[in-house]
Amino acid sequence: MGPLQIALFAVWALSGLFLIALVLMHSGKGTGVSDMIASSLYNSSAATGVMEQNLDKLTVIVAVVFSVCVVFCMSFFPQGIVGL
């Protein structure tokens, strides 16, 4: 494995973890994990709309990065990694 593949796997793993965290930060409709995290982040009701829009944009950007990494991994390793 070359340094490009290692960097690709690192970006893929970090974007996956960051995507999970961002999805959990979205305000939920119930009393789940997202509601517990979001209630501590969104104390003022005036800034909630702006913060939610920025969180939406950031989530979409990280999801696109994650998807591009998946496509690149499919092209670099079409049969999977043998020997790891």
Protein backbone atom coordinates (compact mmCIF):
# COMPACT_ATOMS: atom_id res chain seq x y z
CA MET A 1 0.00 0.00 0.00
CA GLY A 2 1.31 3.37 -0.97
CA PRO A 3 1.04 6.65 0.87
CA LEU A 4 -1.93 7.73 -1.27
CA GLN A 5 -3.96 4.73 -0.16
CA ILE A 6 -3.01 5.27 3.49
CA ALA A 7 -4.05 8.92 3.25
CA LEU A 8 -7.30 7.89 1.56
CA PHE A 9 -8.09 5.41 4.35
CA ALA A 10 -7.29 8.04 6.99
CA VAL A 11 -9.60 10.60 5.37
CA TRP A 12 -12.27 7.92 4.95
CA ALA A 13 -12.11 6.87 8.61
CA LEU A 14 -12.05 10.43 9.95
CA SER A 15 -14.91 11.55 7.73
CA GLY A 16 -16.93 8.53 8.83
CA LEU A 17 -16.44 9.30 12.51
CA PHE A 18 -17.10 12.99 11.96
CA LEU A 19 -20.26 12.16 9.98
CA ILE A 20 -21.57 10.03 12.84
CA ALA A 21 -20.93 12.85 15.31
CA LEU A 22 -22.63 15.42 13.07
CA VAL A 23 -25.71 13.27 12.56
CA LEU A 24 -26.01 12.78 16.31
CA MET A 25 -25.79 16.55 16.84
CA HIS A 26 -28.88 17.25 14.74
CA SER A 27 -31.92 18.14 16.77
CA GLY A 28 -34.26 15.21 16.95
CA LYS A 29 -38.00 14.93 17.35
CA GLY A 30 -37.84 12.67 20.37
CA THR A 31 -35.81 12.22 23.49
CA GLY A 32 -32.92 10.26 22.00
CA VAL A 33 -29.19 10.81 21.98
CA SER A 34 -29.45 13.61 19.43
CA ASP A 35 -31.88 15.51 21.65
CA MET A 36 -29.55 15.20 24.66
CA ILE A 37 -26.55 16.51 22.73
CA ALA A 38 -28.46 19.17 20.81
CA SER A 39 -30.22 20.56 23.86
CA SER A 40 -26.89 21.48 25.41
CA LEU A 41 -25.66 23.09 22.18
CA TYR A 42 -28.76 25.09 21.31
CA ASN A 43 -29.65 27.06 24.44
CA SER A 44 -30.76 30.27 22.75
CA SER A 45 -33.75 29.94 20.47
CA ALA A 46 -32.71 32.93 18.31
CA ALA A 47 -29.55 31.30 16.98
CA THR A 48 -31.00 27.82 16.58
CA GLY A 49 -32.01 28.33 12.95
CA VAL A 50 -28.60 29.62 11.89
CA MET A 51 -26.76 26.93 13.82
CA GLU A 52 -28.99 24.21 12.39
CA GLN A 53 -28.42 25.49 8.84
CA ASN A 54 -24.65 25.52 9.35
CA LEU A 55 -24.82 22.03 10.82
CA ASP A 56 -26.82 20.87 7.79
CA LYS A 57 -24.26 22.33 5.38
CA LEU A 58 -21.35 20.78 7.28
CA THR A 59 -23.09 17.40 7.36
CA VAL A 60 -23.64 17.46 3.60
CA ILE A 61 -20.00 18.41 2.96
CA VAL A 62 -18.69 15.60 5.18
CA ALA A 63 -21.12 13.13 3.58
CA VAL A 64 -19.84 14.08 0.11
CA VAL A 65 -16.21 13.64 1.26
CA PHE A 66 -17.11 10.23 2.71
CA SER A 67 -18.87 9.19 -0.51
CA VAL A 68 -15.96 10.31 -2.70
CA CYS A 69 -13.58 8.31 -0.51
CA VAL A 70 -15.78 5.23 -0.94
CA VAL A 71 -15.75 5.63 -4.73
CA PHE A 72 -11.96 6.09 -4.76
CA CYS A 73 -11.53 2.98 -2.58
CA MET A 74 -13.69 1.01 -4.99
CA SER A 75 -11.47 2.07 -7.89
CA PHE A 76 -8.15 1.46 -6.07
CA PHE A 77 -9.18 -1.90 -4.55
CA PRO A 78 -11.78 -3.53 -6.83
CA GLN A 79 -11.31 -7.00 -5.26
CA GLY A 80 -10.62 -5.89 -1.68
CA ILE A 81 -7.36 -5.99 0.22
CA VAL A 82 -5.70 -9.40 0.17
CA GLY A 83 -3.21 -10.24 2.88
CA LEU A 84 -4.26 -7.78 5.56
